[in-house]
Amino acid sequence: MYKILVIEDEENIASFIKMELTYEGYEVENCYDGKEGLHKALSEDYHLVLLDLMLPTLNGIEICRRIRKLKTTPIIMLTARDSVMDKVSGFQMGADDYVVKPFAIEELIARIEAILRRSSNNIENQNVMEFKDIIINIESRTVECNGKLINLTTKEYELLVYLVKNQNKVLTRDYLIENIWGYDYDGENNIVDVYIRHLRSKLQNYDYIQTVRGIGYVVR
């Protein structure tokens, strides 16, 4: 059974979507708050996320950006605004489709079915990332190096995934802080260096992550 997360603060709309999708045979969870929705999307496994653009505590564009850093879960944006720039922003952050309110439930269901078909056809490629001797399973959030399972903290895992996704790109410390710890991070500015040291030690290979002096880090 396909599992769908609906992040929508208008409870009547969320309840209607859940009722219709449940009738169609989907397992549906509703979430009415941006930060809570992001937490659910990252900590649990869903086949698809329906994501409202305007949400309390964290907007849909930012949620989409943060999900896409770490997961390939298909995302359909829901919005009352039919602005071209809104759509462009959503697609740039990694949304797979865009539905404007008010919408016909038949259209939404058809779009969900089309995306899930494409997703199931490519699931093997989506769930595994490989870099040299490192194998990252996105679905299980596990990392193997030289055939051995590596025990990483959440942030170590997120940092490694982001570096591998952007291999051959030199990423500055500020850029990594913004994309891993969040734009509102207000802690020590050497946090990236600390986590890179942890990663290198656990992977037992200092060549995987290279330092670009005075700038940041790169895997290549």
C-alpha atoms as a PDB file:
ATOM      1  CA  MET A   1       0.000   0.000   0.000  1.00  0.00           C
ATOM      2  CA  TYR A   2       1.311   3.429  -0.932  1.00  0.00           C
ATOM      3  CA  LYS A   3       1.834   5.768   2.023  1.00  0.00           C
ATOM      4  CA  ILE A   4       1.191   9.493   1.494  1.00  0.00           C
ATOM      5  CA  LEU A   5       1.932  12.444   3.799  1.00  0.00           C
ATOM      6  CA  VAL A   6      -0.362  15.485   3.445  1.00  0.00           C
ATOM      7  CA  ILE A   7       1.147  18.689   4.894  1.00  0.00           C
ATOM      8  CA  GLU A   8      -1.766  21.139   4.769  1.00  0.00           C
ATOM      9  CA  ASP A   9      -2.841  23.628   7.461  1.00  0.00           C
ATOM     10  CA  GLU A  10      -6.448  23.942   6.271  1.00  0.00           C
ATOM     11  CA  GLU A  11      -7.930  21.007   8.134  1.00  0.00           C
ATOM     12  CA  ASN A  12     -11.084  20.761   6.012  1.00  0.00           C
ATOM     13  CA  ILE A  13      -8.991  20.421   2.835  1.00  0.00           C
ATOM     14  CA  ALA A  14      -6.592  17.954   4.480  1.00  0.00           C
ATOM     15  CA  SER A  15      -9.496  15.847   5.783  1.00  0.00           C
ATOM     16  CA  PHE A  16     -11.172  15.818   2.365  1.00  0.00           C
ATOM     17  CA  ILE A  17      -7.947  14.734   0.647  1.00  0.00           C
ATOM     18  CA  LYS A  18      -7.379  12.015   3.253  1.00  0.00           C
ATOM     19  CA  MET A  19     -10.935  10.698   2.883  1.00  0.00           C
ATOM     20  CA  GLU A  20     -10.733  10.523  -0.919  1.00  0.00           C
ATOM     21  CA  LEU A  21      -7.253   9.002  -1.040  1.00  0.00           C
ATOM     22  CA  THR A  22      -8.125   6.456   1.652  1.00  0.00           C
ATOM     23  CA  TYR A  23     -11.128   5.454  -0.450  1.00  0.00           C
ATOM     24  CA  GLU A  24      -8.719   4.953  -3.382  1.00  0.00           C
ATOM     25  CA  GLY A  25      -6.650   2.554  -1.271  1.00  0.00           C
ATOM     26  CA  TYR A  26      -3.825   4.811  -0.053  1.00  0.00           C
ATOM     27  CA  GLU A  27      -2.555   5.064   3.517  1.00  0.00           C
ATOM     28  CA  VAL A  28      -2.666   8.765   4.407  1.00  0.00           C
ATOM     29  CA  GLU A  29      -1.267  10.839   7.284  1.00  0.00           C
ATOM     30  CA  ASN A  30      -2.177  14.487   7.780  1.00  0.00           C
ATOM     31  CA  CYS A  31       0.043  17.167   9.271  1.00  0.00           C
ATOM     32  CA  TYR A  32      -1.030  20.795   9.776  1.00  0.00           C
ATOM     33  CA  ASP A  33       2.260  22.507  10.685  1.00  0.00           C
ATOM     34  CA  GLY A  34       5.380  23.145   8.613  1.00  0.00           C
ATOM     35  CA  LYS A  35       8.070  22.101  11.078  1.00  0.00           C
ATOM     36  CA  GLU A  36       6.173  19.022  12.185  1.00  0.00           C
ATOM     37  CA  GLY A  37       5.559  18.083   8.553  1.00  0.00           C
ATOM     38  CA  LEU A  38       9.248  18.403   7.720  1.00  0.00           C
ATOM     39  CA  HIS A  39      10.158  16.221  10.688  1.00  0.00           C
ATOM     40  CA  LYS A  40       7.720  13.518   9.581  1.00  0.00           C
ATOM     41  CA  ALA A  41       8.865  13.664   5.956  1.00  0.00           C
ATOM     42  CA  LEU A  42      12.519  13.193   6.951  1.00  0.00           C
ATOM     43  CA  SER A  43      12.132  10.725   9.809  1.00  0.00           C
ATOM     44  CA  GLU A  44       9.571   8.384   8.218  1.00  0.00           C
ATOM     45  CA  ASP A  45       9.275   6.746   4.808  1.00  0.00           C
ATOM     46  CA  TYR A  46       6.506   7.931   2.479  1.00  0.00           C
ATOM     47  CA  HIS A  47       5.898   7.181  -1.166  1.00  0.00           C
ATOM     48  CA  LEU A  48       4.711  10.744  -1.850  1.00  0.00           C
ATOM     49  CA  VAL A  49       4.244  14.087  -0.072  1.00  0.00           C
ATOM     50  CA  LEU A  50       1.412  16.536  -0.800  1.00  0.00           C
ATOM     51  CA  LEU A  51       2.803  19.865   0.366  1.00  0.00           C
ATOM     52  CA  ASP A  52       0.920  23.144   0.799  1.00  0.00           C
ATOM     53  CA  LEU A  53       2.857  26.283  -0.117  1.00  0.00           C
ATOM     54  CA  MET A  54       1.648  28.530   2.734  1.00  0.00           C
ATOM     55  CA  LEU A  55       2.107  26.884   6.145  1.00  0.00           C
ATOM     56  CA  PRO A  56       2.632  28.050   9.730  1.00  0.00           C
ATOM     57  CA  THR A  57       6.197  27.897  11.188  1.00  0.00           C
ATOM     58  CA  LEU A  58       7.861  26.880   7.888  1.00  0.00           C
ATOM     59  CA  ASN A  59       6.688  27.456   4.313  1.00  0.00           C
ATOM     60  CA  GLY A  60       6.331  24.803   1.651  1.00  0.00           C
ATOM     61  CA  ILE A  61       9.241  26.009  -0.490  1.00  0.00           C
ATOM     62  CA  GLU A  62      11.687  25.668   2.425  1.00  0.00           C
ATOM     63  CA  ILE A  63      10.252  22.273   3.395  1.00  0.00           C
ATOM     64  CA  CYS A  64      10.647  21.071  -0.196  1.00  0.00           C
ATOM     65  CA  ARG A  65      14.250  22.290  -0.287  1.00  0.00           C
ATOM     66  CA  ARG A  66      15.154  20.496   2.937  1.00  0.00           C
ATOM     67  CA  ILE A  67      13.434  17.250   1.952  1.00  0.00           C
ATOM     68  CA  ARG A  68      15.155  17.226  -1.415  1.00  0.00           C
ATOM     69  CA  LYS A  69      18.590  17.583   0.196  1.00  0.00           C
ATOM     70  CA  LEU A  70      18.228  14.148   1.737  1.00  0.00           C
ATOM     71  CA  LYS A  71      15.417  12.247   0.051  1.00  0.00           C
ATOM     72  CA  THR A  72      14.001  11.605  -3.397  1.00  0.00           C
ATOM     73  CA  THR A  73      10.407  11.260  -2.133  1.00  0.00           C
ATOM     74  CA  PRO A  74       8.069  12.642  -4.851  1.00  0.00           C
ATOM     75  CA  ILE A  75       6.508  15.991  -3.870  1.00  0.00           C
ATOM     76  CA  ILE A  76       3.358  17.616  -5.237  1.00  0.00           C
ATOM     77  CA  MET A  77       2.946  21.265  -4.207  1.00  0.00           C
ATOM     78  CA  LEU A  78      -0.538  22.541  -3.353  1.00  0.00           C
ATOM     79  CA  THR A  79      -1.242  26.266  -3.477  1.00  0.00           C
ATOM     80  CA  ALA A  80      -4.033  28.811  -3.798  1.00  0.00           C
ATOM     81  CA  ARG A  81      -1.721  30.989  -5.894  1.00  0.00           C
ATOM     82  CA  ASP A  82      -1.283  30.453  -9.638  1.00  0.00           C
ATOM     83  CA  SER A  83       1.847  32.595  -9.937  1.00  0.00           C
ATOM     84  CA  VAL A  84       4.459  31.555 -12.476  1.00  0.00           C
ATOM     85  CA  MET A  85       7.219  32.507 -10.019  1.00  0.00           C
ATOM     86  CA  ASP A  86       5.670  30.355  -7.295  1.00  0.00           C
ATOM     87  CA  LYS A  87       5.704  27.392  -9.660  1.00  0.00           C
ATOM     88  CA  VAL A  88       9.260  28.104 -10.790  1.00  0.00           C
ATOM     89  CA  SER A  89      10.420  28.346  -7.165  1.00  0.00           C
ATOM     90  CA  GLY A  90       8.737  25.060  -6.328  1.00  0.00           C
ATOM     91  CA  PHE A  91      10.269  23.229  -9.272  1.00  0.00           C
ATOM     92  CA  GLN A  92      13.699  24.732  -8.573  1.00  0.00           C
ATOM     93  CA  MET A  93      13.530  23.369  -5.022  1.00  0.00           C
ATOM     94  CA  GLY A  94      12.752  19.897  -6.383  1.00  0.00           C
ATOM     95  CA  ALA A  95       8.947  19.623  -6.536  1.00  0.00           C
ATOM     96  CA  ASP A  96       7.695  17.016  -9.018  1.00  0.00           C
ATOM     97  CA  ASP A  97       4.330  18.612  -9.763  1.00  0.00           C
ATOM     98  CA  TYR A  98       2.110  21.573  -8.881  1.00  0.00           C
ATOM     99  CA  VAL A  99      -1.658  21.684  -8.277  1.00  0.00           C
ATOM    100  CA  VAL A 100      -3.552  24.959  -7.854  1.00  0.00           C
ATOM    101  CA  LYS A 101      -6.496  25.240  -5.439  1.00  0.00           C
ATOM    102  CA  PRO A 102      -9.367  24.778  -5.894  1.00  0.00           C
ATOM    103  CA  PHE A 103      -8.689  21.524  -7.709  1.00  0.00           C
ATOM    104  CA  ALA A 104     -10.790  18.576  -8.809  1.00  0.00           C
ATOM    105  CA  ILE A 105      -9.939  15.561  -6.667  1.00  0.00           C
ATOM    106  CA  GLU A 106      -9.939  13.414  -9.817  1.00  0.00           C
ATOM    107  CA  GLU A 107      -7.116  15.515 -11.252  1.00  0.00           C
ATOM    108  CA  LEU A 108      -5.092  15.283  -8.036  1.00  0.00           C
ATOM    109  CA  ILE A 109      -5.524  11.507  -7.916  1.00  0.00           C
ATOM    110  CA  ALA A 110      -4.477  11.199 -11.571  1.00  0.00           C
ATOM    111  CA  ARG A 111      -1.324  13.245 -10.920  1.00  0.00           C
ATOM    112  CA  ILE A 112      -0.505  11.140  -7.850  1.00  0.00           C
ATOM    113  CA  GLU A 113      -0.920   7.922  -9.841  1.00  0.00           C
ATOM    114  CA  ALA A 114       1.283   9.196 -12.669  1.00  0.00           C
ATOM    115  CA  ILE A 115       4.098  10.209 -10.299  1.00  0.00           C
ATOM    116  CA  LEU A 116       3.925   6.956  -8.336  1.00  0.00           C
ATOM    117  CA  ARG A 117       4.179   4.985 -11.584  1.00  0.00           C
ATOM    118  CA  ARG A 118       7.319   6.872 -12.566  1.00  0.00           C
ATOM    119  CA  SER A 119       8.697   6.539  -9.059  1.00  0.00           C
ATOM    120  CA  SER A 120       8.184   2.775  -8.905  1.00  0.00           C
ATOM    121  CA  ASN A 121       9.933   2.366 -12.267  1.00  0.00           C
ATOM    122  CA  ASN A 122      13.040   4.134 -10.943  1.00  0.00           C
ATOM    123  CA  ILE A 123      13.003   3.102  -7.294  1.00  0.00           C
ATOM    124  CA  GLU A 124      16.269   1.153  -7.382  1.00  0.00           C
ATOM    125  CA  ASN A 125      18.218   4.111  -8.741  1.00  0.00           C
ATOM    126  CA  GLN A 126      16.553   6.536  -6.355  1.00  0.00           C
ATOM    127  CA  ASN A 127      17.290   4.618  -3.177  1.00  0.00           C
ATOM    128  CA  VAL A 128      21.021   3.994  -3.540  1.00  0.00           C
ATOM    129  CA  MET A 129      23.932   6.412  -3.980  1.00  0.00           C
ATOM    130  CA  GLU A 130      27.480   5.204  -4.601  1.00  0.00           C
ATOM    131  CA  PHE A 131      30.789   7.038  -4.358  1.00  0.00           C
ATOM    132  CA  LYS A 132      34.041   5.070  -4.643  1.00  0.00           C
ATOM    133  CA  ASP A 133      33.805   2.467  -1.814  1.00  0.00           C
ATOM    134  CA  ILE A 134      30.835   4.195  -0.134  1.00  0.00           C
ATOM    135  CA  ILE A 135      27.261   2.944  -0.588  1.00  0.00           C
ATOM    136  CA  ILE A 136      24.428   5.105   0.824  1.00  0.00           C
ATOM    137  CA  ASN A 137      20.928   3.656   1.089  1.00  0.00           C
ATOM    138  CA  ILE A 138      18.585   6.655   1.192  1.00  0.00           C
ATOM    139  CA  GLU A 139      15.523   4.651   2.214  1.00  0.00           C
ATOM    140  CA  SER A 140      17.125   2.930   5.202  1.00  0.00           C
ATOM    141  CA  ARG A 141      19.527   5.856   5.897  1.00  0.00           C
ATOM    142  CA  THR A 142      22.473   3.466   6.167  1.00  0.00           C
ATOM    143  CA  VAL A 143      26.056   3.869   4.957  1.00  0.00           C
ATOM    144  CA  GLU A 144      28.533   1.145   4.038  1.00  0.00           C
ATOM    145  CA  CYS A 145      32.210   1.706   3.371  1.00  0.00           C
ATOM    146  CA  ASN A 146      34.424  -1.118   2.058  1.00  0.00           C
ATOM    147  CA  GLY A 147      31.586  -3.521   2.826  1.00  0.00           C
ATOM    148  CA  LYS A 148      31.273  -2.459   6.478  1.00  0.00           C
ATOM    149  CA  LEU A 149      28.261  -0.697   7.997  1.00  0.00           C
ATOM    150  CA  ILE A 150      29.266   2.743   9.322  1.00  0.00           C
ATOM    151  CA  ASN A 151      27.456   4.151  12.351  1.00  0.00           C
ATOM    152  CA  LEU A 152      26.812   7.849  11.662  1.00  0.00           C
ATOM    153  CA  THR A 153      24.889  10.466  13.617  1.00  0.00           C
ATOM    154  CA  THR A 154      22.006  12.237  11.874  1.00  0.00           C
ATOM    155  CA  LYS A 155      24.087  15.296  10.977  1.00  0.00           C
ATOM    156  CA  GLU A 156      27.087  13.227   9.887  1.00  0.00           C
ATOM    157  CA  TYR A 157      24.797  11.268   7.583  1.00  0.00           C
ATOM    158  CA  GLU A 158      23.145  14.411   6.203  1.00  0.00           C
ATOM    159  CA  LEU A 159      26.524  16.046   5.583  1.00  0.00           C
ATOM    160  CA  LEU A 160      27.889  12.980   3.777  1.00  0.00           C
ATOM    161  CA  VAL A 161      24.773  12.670   1.590  1.00  0.00           C
ATOM    162  CA  TYR A 162      24.950  16.349   0.648  1.00  0.00           C
ATOM    163  CA  LEU A 163      28.632  16.153  -0.248  1.00  0.00           C
ATOM    164  CA  VAL A 164      28.115  13.035  -2.379  1.00  0.00           C
ATOM    165  CA  LYS A 165      25.075  14.534  -4.133  1.00  0.00           C
ATOM    166  CA  ASN A 166      27.237  17.539  -5.006  1.00  0.00           C
ATOM    167  CA  GLN A 167      30.432  15.637  -5.819  1.00  0.00           C
ATOM    168  CA  ASN A 168      33.041  17.580  -7.782  1.00  0.00           C
ATOM    169  CA  LYS A 169      31.570  20.848  -6.482  1.00  0.00           C
ATOM    170  CA  VAL A 170      33.554  22.857  -3.942  1.00  0.00           C
ATOM    171  CA  LEU A 171      31.140  23.728  -1.120  1.00  0.00           C
ATOM    172  CA  THR A 172      31.943  26.551   1.281  1.00  0.00           C
ATOM    173  CA  ARG A 173      31.527  26.155   5.037  1.00  0.00           C
ATOM    174  CA  ASP A 174      28.770  28.797   5.098  1.00  0.00           C
ATOM    175  CA  TYR A 175      26.914  27.002   2.299  1.00  0.00           C
ATOM    176  CA  LEU A 176      27.112  23.693   4.142  1.00  0.00           C
ATOM    177  CA  ILE A 177      25.931  25.269   7.398  1.00  0.00           C
ATOM    178  CA  GLU A 178      22.935  26.822   5.632  1.00  0.00           C
ATOM    179  CA  ASN A 179      21.951  23.621   3.863  1.00  0.00           C
ATOM    180  CA  ILE A 180      22.628  21.091   6.643  1.00  0.00           C
ATOM    181  CA  TRP A 181      22.038  22.998   9.874  1.00  0.00           C
ATOM    182  CA  GLY A 182      19.581  25.534   8.427  1.00  0.00           C
ATOM    183  CA  TYR A 183      19.715  29.216   7.580  1.00  0.00           C
ATOM    184  CA  ASP A 184      18.790  30.117  11.190  1.00  0.00           C
ATOM    185  CA  TYR A 185      21.724  28.199  12.731  1.00  0.00           C
ATOM    186  CA  ASP A 186      23.413  30.324  15.375  1.00  0.00           C
ATOM    187  CA  GLY A 187      26.098  28.027  16.796  1.00  0.00           C
ATOM    188  CA  GLU A 188      29.860  27.692  16.400  1.00  0.00           C
ATOM    189  CA  ASN A 189      31.099  28.522  12.899  1.00  0.00           C
ATOM    190  CA  ASN A 190      33.661  25.679  12.985  1.00  0.00           C
ATOM    191  CA  ILE A 191      30.892  23.068  13.196  1.00  0.00           C
ATOM    192  CA  VAL A 192      31.553  21.899   9.614  1.00  0.00           C
ATOM    193  CA  ASP A 193      35.245  21.254  10.317  1.00  0.00           C
ATOM    194  CA  VAL A 194      34.333  19.226  13.416  1.00  0.00           C
ATOM    195  CA  TYR A 195      31.869  17.022  11.519  1.00  0.00           C
ATOM    196  CA  ILE A 196      34.244  16.547   8.586  1.00  0.00           C
ATOM    197  CA  ARG A 197      36.855  15.231  11.044  1.00  0.00           C
ATOM    198  CA  HIS A 198      34.270  12.830  12.494  1.00  0.00           C
ATOM    199  CA  LEU A 199      33.305  11.599   9.019  1.00  0.00           C
ATOM    200  CA  ARG A 200      36.897  11.068   7.925  1.00  0.00           C
ATOM    201  CA  SER A 201      37.642   9.134  11.087  1.00  0.00           C
ATOM    202  CA  LYS A 202      34.589   6.866  10.743  1.00  0.00           C
ATOM    203  CA  LEU A 203      35.166   6.264   7.026  1.00  0.00           C
ATOM    204  CA  GLN A 204      38.842   5.584   7.823  1.00  0.00           C
ATOM    205  CA  ASN A 205      39.928   7.376   4.665  1.00  0.00           C
ATOM    206  CA  TYR A 206      40.943  11.023   4.498  1.00  0.00           C
ATOM    207  CA  ASP A 207      40.953  11.077   0.675  1.00  0.00           C
ATOM    208  CA  TYR A 208      37.172  10.779   0.299  1.00  0.00           C
ATOM    209  CA  ILE A 209      36.549  14.355   1.499  1.00  0.00           C
ATOM    210  CA  GLN A 210      39.148  16.840   0.318  1.00  0.00           C
ATOM    211  CA  THR A 211      39.850  20.225   1.889  1.00  0.00           C
ATOM    212  CA  VAL A 212      40.016  23.251  -0.372  1.00  0.00           C
ATOM    213  CA  ARG A 213      42.105  25.569   1.750  1.00  0.00           C
ATOM    214  CA  GLY A 214      40.386  28.809   2.715  1.00  0.00           C
ATOM    215  CA  ILE A 215      37.121  27.807   1.005  1.00  0.00           C
ATOM    216  CA  GLY A 216      35.554  24.535   2.093  1.00  0.00           C
ATOM    217  CA  TYR A 217      35.281  20.883   1.063  1.00  0.00           C
ATOM    218  CA  VAL A 218      34.694  18.671  -1.978  1.00  0.00           C
ATOM    219  CA  VAL A 219      34.355  14.974  -2.780  1.00  0.00           C
ATOM    220  CA  ARG A 220      35.767  13.949  -6.157  1.00  0.00           C
END
